[in-house]
Amino acid sequence: MHELSLAESIVAIASEHAAGRQVIRVELKAGRLRQVVPSALVFAFALVAKGTPLEGAELAIEEVGVVGQCSACGEETALEAFPFACGGCGGLDLELLRGEELLVDALELA
């Protein structure tokens, strides 16, 4: 379960930026390609946050869809299923623009 190690990293990042202040809410952006199970991450976050300034904080996860740009025609396409193909020309040579991120986007502090 990689959610536990992700939760540990989230708590470490948020704790560093909170600088000892109580954290009320952590907003996280998670790309679909990261294959994060939100319920498992929320559970792991609650366990890891015990005894830290994040104890009791809400973990709000925003799932970011996959978007690619075609190298042939330049069109940006929302990508839903494999194989990823351009919505304009059907090409398969795409640069991923979104969908792989995993970042702490915001903190709400007391």
C-alpha atoms as a PDB file:
ATOM      1  CA  MET A   1       0.000   0.000   0.000  1.00  0.00           C
ATOM      2  CA  HIS A   2       1.929   3.031  -1.227  1.00  0.00           C
ATOM      3  CA  GLU A   3      -0.667   5.354   0.331  1.00  0.00           C
ATOM      4  CA  LEU A   4       1.091   5.031   3.706  1.00  0.00           C
ATOM      5  CA  SER A   5       4.382   6.372   2.339  1.00  0.00           C
ATOM      6  CA  LEU A   6       2.479   9.103   0.484  1.00  0.00           C
ATOM      7  CA  ALA A   7       0.729  10.076   3.725  1.00  0.00           C
ATOM      8  CA  GLU A   8       4.078  10.257   5.518  1.00  0.00           C
ATOM      9  CA  SER A   9       5.391  12.622   2.840  1.00  0.00           C
ATOM     10  CA  ILE A  10       2.255  14.779   2.946  1.00  0.00           C
ATOM     11  CA  VAL A  11       2.491  15.121   6.725  1.00  0.00           C
ATOM     12  CA  ALA A  12       6.205  15.988   6.508  1.00  0.00           C
ATOM     13  CA  ILE A  13       5.634  18.650   3.837  1.00  0.00           C
ATOM     14  CA  ALA A  14       2.636  20.184   5.598  1.00  0.00           C
ATOM     15  CA  SER A  15       4.390  20.143   8.996  1.00  0.00           C
ATOM     16  CA  GLU A  16       7.400  21.952   7.572  1.00  0.00           C
ATOM     17  CA  HIS A  17       5.267  24.690   6.028  1.00  0.00           C
ATOM     18  CA  ALA A  18       2.969  25.000   9.045  1.00  0.00           C
ATOM     19  CA  ALA A  19       5.984  25.797  11.238  1.00  0.00           C
ATOM     20  CA  GLY A  20       4.343  24.497  14.428  1.00  0.00           C
ATOM     21  CA  ARG A  21       0.886  25.961  13.769  1.00  0.00           C
ATOM     22  CA  GLN A  22      -2.168  23.690  13.882  1.00  0.00           C
ATOM     23  CA  VAL A  23      -3.312  22.516  10.430  1.00  0.00           C
ATOM     24  CA  ILE A  24      -7.061  22.411   9.810  1.00  0.00           C
ATOM     25  CA  ARG A  25      -7.107  21.232   6.197  1.00  0.00           C
ATOM     26  CA  VAL A  26      -4.642  19.948   3.607  1.00  0.00           C
ATOM     27  CA  GLU A  27      -5.578  20.257  -0.061  1.00  0.00           C
ATOM     28  CA  LEU A  28      -3.913  17.733  -2.321  1.00  0.00           C
ATOM     29  CA  LYS A  29      -3.937  17.423  -6.115  1.00  0.00           C
ATOM     30  CA  ALA A  30      -3.520  13.851  -7.324  1.00  0.00           C
ATOM     31  CA  GLY A  31      -3.287  12.934 -10.987  1.00  0.00           C
ATOM     32  CA  ARG A  32      -5.259   9.897 -12.138  1.00  0.00           C
ATOM     33  CA  LEU A  33      -2.073   8.210 -13.321  1.00  0.00           C
ATOM     34  CA  ARG A  34      -0.715   8.174  -9.741  1.00  0.00           C
ATOM     35  CA  GLN A  35      -3.289   5.467  -8.950  1.00  0.00           C
ATOM     36  CA  VAL A  36      -3.992   6.827  -5.489  1.00  0.00           C
ATOM     37  CA  VAL A  37      -6.933   5.241  -3.676  1.00  0.00           C
ATOM     38  CA  PRO A  38      -8.465   8.280  -1.927  1.00  0.00           C
ATOM     39  CA  SER A  39     -10.078   6.366   0.952  1.00  0.00           C
ATOM     40  CA  ALA A  40      -6.825   4.514   1.675  1.00  0.00           C
ATOM     41  CA  LEU A  41      -4.853   7.761   1.594  1.00  0.00           C
ATOM     42  CA  VAL A  42      -7.288   9.516   3.944  1.00  0.00           C
ATOM     43  CA  PHE A  43      -7.054   6.564   6.358  1.00  0.00           C
ATOM     44  CA  ALA A  44      -3.239   6.489   6.207  1.00  0.00           C
ATOM     45  CA  PHE A  45      -3.084  10.273   6.621  1.00  0.00           C
ATOM     46  CA  ALA A  46      -5.145  10.096   9.837  1.00  0.00           C
ATOM     47  CA  LEU A  47      -2.800   7.433  11.238  1.00  0.00           C
ATOM     48  CA  VAL A  48       0.412   9.249  10.339  1.00  0.00           C
ATOM     49  CA  ALA A  49      -0.869  12.656  11.501  1.00  0.00           C
ATOM     50  CA  LYS A  50      -1.479  11.496  15.104  1.00  0.00           C
ATOM     51  CA  GLY A  51       0.688  13.461  17.508  1.00  0.00           C
ATOM     52  CA  THR A  52       1.581  16.125  14.920  1.00  0.00           C
ATOM     53  CA  PRO A  53       0.149  19.590  14.202  1.00  0.00           C
ATOM     54  CA  LEU A  54      -1.922  17.840  11.509  1.00  0.00           C
ATOM     55  CA  GLU A  55      -3.819  15.573  13.904  1.00  0.00           C
ATOM     56  CA  GLY A  56      -7.523  15.875  13.108  1.00  0.00           C
ATOM     57  CA  ALA A  57      -6.900  17.828   9.888  1.00  0.00           C
ATOM     58  CA  GLU A  58      -9.065  17.158   6.854  1.00  0.00           C
ATOM     59  CA  LEU A  59      -7.316  15.790   3.778  1.00  0.00           C
ATOM     60  CA  ALA A  60      -9.134  17.086   0.695  1.00  0.00           C
ATOM     61  CA  ILE A  61      -8.088  15.291  -2.485  1.00  0.00           C
ATOM     62  CA  GLU A  62      -8.762  16.753  -5.921  1.00  0.00           C
ATOM     63  CA  GLU A  63      -8.346  14.203  -8.696  1.00  0.00           C
ATOM     64  CA  VAL A  64      -6.675  15.683 -11.773  1.00  0.00           C
ATOM     65  CA  GLY A  65      -7.639  14.160 -15.100  1.00  0.00           C
ATOM     66  CA  VAL A  66      -5.156  13.136 -17.753  1.00  0.00           C
ATOM     67  CA  VAL A  67      -4.502  15.619 -20.561  1.00  0.00           C
ATOM     68  CA  GLY A  68      -2.047  15.158 -23.399  1.00  0.00           C
ATOM     69  CA  GLN A  69      -0.825  17.243 -26.304  1.00  0.00           C
ATOM     70  CA  CYS A  70      -0.359  15.629 -29.685  1.00  0.00           C
ATOM     71  CA  SER A  71       3.096  16.027 -31.210  1.00  0.00           C
ATOM     72  CA  ALA A  72       1.643  15.737 -34.733  1.00  0.00           C
ATOM     73  CA  CYS A  73      -1.196  18.284 -34.682  1.00  0.00           C
ATOM     74  CA  GLY A  74      -0.678  20.090 -31.354  1.00  0.00           C
ATOM     75  CA  GLU A  75      -4.195  19.489 -30.039  1.00  0.00           C
ATOM     76  CA  GLU A  76      -4.727  19.078 -26.304  1.00  0.00           C
ATOM     77  CA  THR A  77      -6.976  16.147 -25.467  1.00  0.00           C
ATOM     78  CA  ALA A  78      -8.535  14.843 -22.265  1.00  0.00           C
ATOM     79  CA  LEU A  79      -7.436  11.217 -22.104  1.00  0.00           C
ATOM     80  CA  GLU A  80      -9.825   8.737 -20.527  1.00  0.00           C
ATOM     81  CA  ALA A  81      -8.664   5.228 -21.429  1.00  0.00           C
ATOM     82  CA  PHE A  82      -5.670   3.365 -22.814  1.00  0.00           C
ATOM     83  CA  PRO A  83      -4.344   3.544 -25.408  1.00  0.00           C
ATOM     84  CA  PHE A  84      -4.143   7.323 -25.150  1.00  0.00           C
ATOM     85  CA  ALA A  85      -4.872   8.856 -28.545  1.00  0.00           C
ATOM     86  CA  CYS A  86      -5.226  12.407 -29.843  1.00  0.00           C
ATOM     87  CA  GLY A  87      -8.837  13.563 -30.082  1.00  0.00           C
ATOM     88  CA  GLY A  88      -8.025  15.531 -33.235  1.00  0.00           C
ATOM     89  CA  CYS A  89      -5.987  13.260 -35.488  1.00  0.00           C
ATOM     90  CA  GLY A  90      -5.924   9.953 -33.605  1.00  0.00           C
ATOM     91  CA  GLY A  91      -2.139  10.075 -33.208  1.00  0.00           C
ATOM     92  CA  LEU A  92      -0.517   8.127 -30.388  1.00  0.00           C
ATOM     93  CA  ASP A  93       2.557  10.328 -29.859  1.00  0.00           C
ATOM     94  CA  LEU A  94       1.366  12.478 -26.969  1.00  0.00           C
ATOM     95  CA  GLU A  95       3.136  14.526 -24.340  1.00  0.00           C
ATOM     96  CA  LEU A  96       1.370  14.264 -20.989  1.00  0.00           C
ATOM     97  CA  LEU A  97       0.509  17.714 -19.647  1.00  0.00           C
ATOM     98  CA  ARG A  98      -1.561  16.720 -16.601  1.00  0.00           C
ATOM     99  CA  GLY A  99      -2.443  13.578 -14.725  1.00  0.00           C
ATOM    100  CA  GLU A 100       0.876  12.624 -13.142  1.00  0.00           C
ATOM    101  CA  GLU A 101       1.016  15.281 -10.437  1.00  0.00           C
ATOM    102  CA  LEU A 102       0.881  14.665  -6.729  1.00  0.00           C
ATOM    103  CA  LEU A 103       1.243  17.866  -4.748  1.00  0.00           C
ATOM    104  CA  VAL A 104       0.194  19.579  -1.579  1.00  0.00           C
ATOM    105  CA  ASP A 105      -1.669  22.523  -3.082  1.00  0.00           C
ATOM    106  CA  ALA A 106      -2.799  24.449   0.020  1.00  0.00           C
ATOM    107  CA  LEU A 107      -2.928  24.392   3.797  1.00  0.00           C
ATOM    108  CA  GLU A 108      -5.558  25.895   6.058  1.00  0.00           C
ATOM    109  CA  LEU A 109      -3.976  26.840   9.361  1.00  0.00           C
ATOM    110  CA  ALA A 110      -5.575  27.687  12.709  1.00  0.00           C
END
